[in-house]
Amino acid sequence: MKQLTSVVCRILFIASFLLAGIAVLEKLVNLSGFTFLRGTDPWRVLEFSAVALLFVIALQLRELKTFLSARDSK
């Protein structure tokens, strides 16, 4: 279970930064009058990035809590 959580954290962390990069790139492309997301607002993509990063933070805090509780019980 610990390895699964670690893999999910890494995937979500990378995905959140990729989504943030896509949102910034889309905004820059929109300033020149073009688009590549076809109607999706770049702020919406940035919101998805923030939600993914929030899950990463929550999973990391959960891992830290279980590590500290295991260390204190010894």
N, C-alpha and C. Protein backbone atom coordinates (compact mmCIF):
# COMPACT_ATOMS: atom_id res chain seq x y z
N MET A 1 0.83 -1.19 0.00
CA MET A 1 0.00 0.00 0.00
C MET A 1 0.87 1.25 0.00
N LYS A 2 1.98 1.18 0.72
CA LYS A 2 2.86 2.34 0.80
C LYS A 2 3.47 2.66 -0.56
N GLN A 3 3.83 1.62 -1.31
CA GLN A 3 4.42 1.85 -2.63
C GLN A 3 3.37 2.39 -3.61
N LEU A 4 2.16 1.92 -3.49
CA LEU A 4 1.09 2.41 -4.35
C LEU A 4 0.84 3.89 -4.09
N THR A 5 0.81 4.29 -2.83
CA THR A 5 0.64 5.69 -2.48
C THR A 5 1.78 6.53 -3.01
N SER A 6 2.98 6.01 -2.91
CA SER A 6 4.14 6.73 -3.41
C SER A 6 4.07 6.92 -4.93
N VAL A 7 3.67 5.89 -5.65
CA VAL A 7 3.55 5.99 -7.11
C VAL A 7 2.45 6.98 -7.48
N VAL A 8 1.33 6.94 -6.80
CA VAL A 8 0.22 7.86 -7.08
C VAL A 8 0.66 9.30 -6.81
N CYS A 9 1.40 9.50 -5.71
CA CYS A 9 1.89 10.85 -5.41
C CYS A 9 2.79 11.37 -6.52
N ARG A 10 3.68 10.54 -6.98
CA ARG A 10 4.61 10.96 -8.03
C ARG A 10 3.88 11.27 -9.33
N ILE A 11 2.92 10.43 -9.68
CA ILE A 11 2.16 10.64 -10.92
C ILE A 11 1.34 11.92 -10.83
N LEU A 12 0.66 12.14 -9.71
CA LEU A 12 -0.15 13.34 -9.55
C LEU A 12 0.71 14.59 -9.50
N PHE A 13 1.89 14.49 -8.89
CA PHE A 13 2.79 15.63 -8.80
C PHE A 13 3.26 16.05 -10.19
N ILE A 14 3.67 15.08 -10.98
CA ILE A 14 4.12 15.37 -12.34
C ILE A 14 2.96 15.88 -13.19
N ALA A 15 1.79 15.25 -13.04
CA ALA A 15 0.62 15.66 -13.81
C ALA A 15 0.19 17.09 -13.46
N SER A 16 0.28 17.45 -12.19
CA SER A 16 -0.13 18.80 -11.81
C SER A 16 0.79 19.85 -12.41
N PHE A 17 2.08 19.58 -12.44
CA PHE A 17 2.99 20.55 -13.04
C PHE A 17 2.86 20.58 -14.56
N LEU A 18 2.57 19.45 -15.17
CA LEU A 18 2.31 19.45 -16.61
C LEU A 18 1.05 20.25 -16.94
N LEU A 19 0.01 20.07 -16.15
CA LEU A 19 -1.22 20.83 -16.38
C LEU A 19 -1.00 22.32 -16.16
N ALA A 20 -0.20 22.68 -15.17
CA ALA A 20 0.10 24.10 -14.95
C ALA A 20 0.87 24.67 -16.13
N GLY A 21 1.82 23.90 -16.65
CA GLY A 21 2.56 24.34 -17.83
C GLY A 21 1.68 24.49 -19.04
N ILE A 22 0.76 23.56 -19.23
CA ILE A 22 -0.18 23.64 -20.35
C ILE A 22 -1.07 24.88 -20.21
N ALA A 23 -1.50 25.17 -18.98
CA ALA A 23 -2.35 26.35 -18.76
C ALA A 23 -1.60 27.63 -19.08
N VAL A 24 -0.36 27.72 -18.67
CA VAL A 24 0.44 28.92 -18.96
C VAL A 24 0.68 29.04 -20.46
N LEU A 25 1.02 27.93 -21.09
CA LEU A 25 1.26 27.94 -22.54
C LEU A 25 0.00 28.32 -23.30
N GLU A 26 -1.14 27.80 -22.89
CA GLU A 26 -2.41 28.14 -23.54
C GLU A 26 -2.71 29.63 -23.39
N LYS A 27 -2.43 30.18 -22.22
CA LYS A 27 -2.68 31.61 -22.02
C LYS A 27 -1.78 32.45 -22.93
N LEU A 28 -0.52 32.04 -23.08
CA LEU A 28 0.39 32.76 -23.97
C LEU A 28 -0.05 32.64 -25.42
N VAL A 29 -0.52 31.46 -25.81
CA VAL A 29 -1.01 31.26 -27.17
C VAL A 29 -2.29 32.06 -27.40
N ASN A 30 -3.14 32.14 -26.36
CA ASN A 30 -4.37 32.93 -26.48
C ASN A 30 -4.08 34.42 -26.69
N LEU A 31 -3.00 34.90 -26.10
CA LEU A 31 -2.65 36.31 -26.27
C LEU A 31 -2.31 36.64 -27.72
N SER A 32 -1.83 35.64 -28.46
CA SER A 32 -1.52 35.86 -29.87
C SER A 32 -2.73 35.56 -30.77
N GLY A 33 -3.83 35.14 -30.18
CA GLY A 33 -5.06 34.94 -30.95
C GLY A 33 -5.34 33.51 -31.36
N PHE A 34 -4.57 32.57 -30.90
CA PHE A 34 -4.76 31.17 -31.26
C PHE A 34 -5.12 30.36 -30.01
N THR A 35 -5.42 29.07 -30.22
CA THR A 35 -5.71 28.18 -29.12
C THR A 35 -5.32 26.76 -29.52
N PHE A 36 -5.02 25.93 -28.54
CA PHE A 36 -4.81 24.51 -28.83
C PHE A 36 -5.64 23.63 -27.90
N LEU A 37 -6.36 24.23 -26.95
CA LEU A 37 -7.24 23.45 -26.09
C LEU A 37 -8.69 23.48 -26.55
N ARG A 38 -8.98 24.24 -27.58
CA ARG A 38 -10.29 24.30 -28.22
C ARG A 38 -11.44 24.62 -27.26
N GLY A 39 -11.40 25.79 -26.71
CA GLY A 39 -12.52 26.25 -25.90
C GLY A 39 -12.38 26.04 -24.42
N THR A 40 -11.39 25.30 -23.99
CA THR A 40 -11.19 25.11 -22.55
C THR A 40 -10.44 26.31 -22.00
N ASP A 41 -10.96 26.87 -20.95
CA ASP A 41 -10.35 28.04 -20.34
C ASP A 41 -9.04 27.64 -19.65
N PRO A 42 -7.96 28.39 -19.83
CA PRO A 42 -6.70 28.03 -19.18
C PRO A 42 -6.79 28.07 -17.65
N TRP A 43 -7.68 28.91 -17.13
CA TRP A 43 -7.84 28.95 -15.67
C TRP A 43 -8.45 27.66 -15.15
N ARG A 44 -9.31 27.06 -15.97
CA ARG A 44 -9.91 25.78 -15.58
C ARG A 44 -8.86 24.68 -15.50
N VAL A 45 -7.93 24.69 -16.46
CA VAL A 45 -6.84 23.71 -16.46
C VAL A 45 -5.95 23.95 -15.24
N LEU A 46 -5.72 25.22 -14.91
CA LEU A 46 -4.92 25.54 -13.73
C LEU A 46 -5.62 25.09 -12.44
N GLU A 47 -6.95 25.15 -12.42
CA GLU A 47 -7.70 24.65 -11.27
C GLU A 47 -7.52 23.14 -11.11
N PHE A 48 -7.56 22.40 -12.22
CA PHE A 48 -7.33 20.95 -12.15
C PHE A 48 -5.93 20.66 -11.63
N SER A 49 -4.98 21.47 -12.03
CA SER A 49 -3.60 21.32 -11.55
C SER A 49 -3.54 21.54 -10.04
N ALA A 50 -4.22 22.56 -9.56
CA ALA A 50 -4.22 22.85 -8.13
C ALA A 50 -4.89 21.73 -7.33
N VAL A 51 -5.95 21.16 -7.86
CA VAL A 51 -6.64 20.06 -7.17
C VAL A 51 -5.73 18.83 -7.09
N ALA A 52 -5.03 18.53 -8.19
CA ALA A 52 -4.10 17.39 -8.18
C ALA A 52 -2.99 17.63 -7.17
N LEU A 53 -2.47 18.85 -7.10
CA LEU A 53 -1.41 19.16 -6.15
C LEU A 53 -1.93 19.09 -4.72
N LEU A 54 -3.18 19.44 -4.51
CA LEU A 54 -3.77 19.34 -3.18
C LEU A 54 -3.86 17.88 -2.73
N PHE A 55 -4.21 16.98 -3.64
CA PHE A 55 -4.22 15.56 -3.31
C PHE A 55 -2.82 15.05 -2.98
N VAL A 56 -1.82 15.54 -3.69
CA VAL A 56 -0.44 15.15 -3.39
C VAL A 56 -0.07 15.59 -1.99
N ILE A 57 -0.41 16.81 -1.64
CA ILE A 57 -0.10 17.31 -0.30
C ILE A 57 -0.81 16.48 0.76
N ALA A 58 -2.08 16.14 0.52
CA ALA A 58 -2.83 15.33 1.48
C ALA A 58 -2.21 13.94 1.63
N LEU A 59 -1.80 13.32 0.54
CA LEU A 59 -1.19 11.99 0.61
C LEU A 59 0.16 12.04 1.30
N GLN A 60 0.93 13.09 1.07
CA GLN A 60 2.22 13.23 1.73
C GLN A 60 2.05 13.44 3.24
N LEU A 61 1.07 14.22 3.62
CA LEU A 61 0.81 14.42 5.04
C LEU A 61 0.34 13.13 5.71
N ARG A 62 -0.43 12.34 4.99
CA ARG A 62 -0.87 11.05 5.53
C ARG A 62 0.32 10.11 5.73
N GLU A 63 1.24 10.08 4.75
CA GLU A 63 2.44 9.25 4.89
C GLU A 63 3.29 9.72 6.06
N LEU A 64 3.42 11.03 6.22
CA LEU A 64 4.20 11.58 7.33
C LEU A 64 3.58 11.22 8.66
N LYS A 65 2.26 11.27 8.73
CA LYS A 65 1.56 10.94 9.98
C LYS A 65 1.77 9.47 10.33
N THR A 66 1.65 8.58 9.36
CA THR A 66 1.84 7.16 9.65
C THR A 66 3.30 6.86 10.01
N PHE A 67 4.24 7.55 9.39
CA PHE A 67 5.66 7.37 9.73
C PHE A 67 5.95 7.82 11.15
N LEU A 68 5.41 8.98 11.51
CA LEU A 68 5.66 9.49 12.87
C LEU A 68 4.96 8.66 13.92
N SER A 69 3.77 8.16 13.64
CA SER A 69 3.08 7.33 14.62
C SER A 69 3.78 5.97 14.77
N ALA A 70 4.34 5.44 13.70
CA ALA A 70 5.08 4.18 13.79
C ALA A 70 6.39 4.39 14.56
N ARG A 71 7.02 5.52 14.35
CA ARG A 71 8.27 5.82 15.04
C ARG A 71 8.03 6.05 16.54
N ASP A 72 6.93 6.71 16.90
CA ASP A 72 6.63 6.98 18.30
C ASP A 72 6.20 5.73 19.05
N SER A 73 5.64 4.75 18.35
CA SER A 73 5.17 3.55 19.03
C SER A 73 6.32 2.59 19.37
N LYS A 74 7.50 2.81 18.81
CA LYS A 74 8.65 1.94 19.10
C LYS A 74 9.29 2.25 20.40
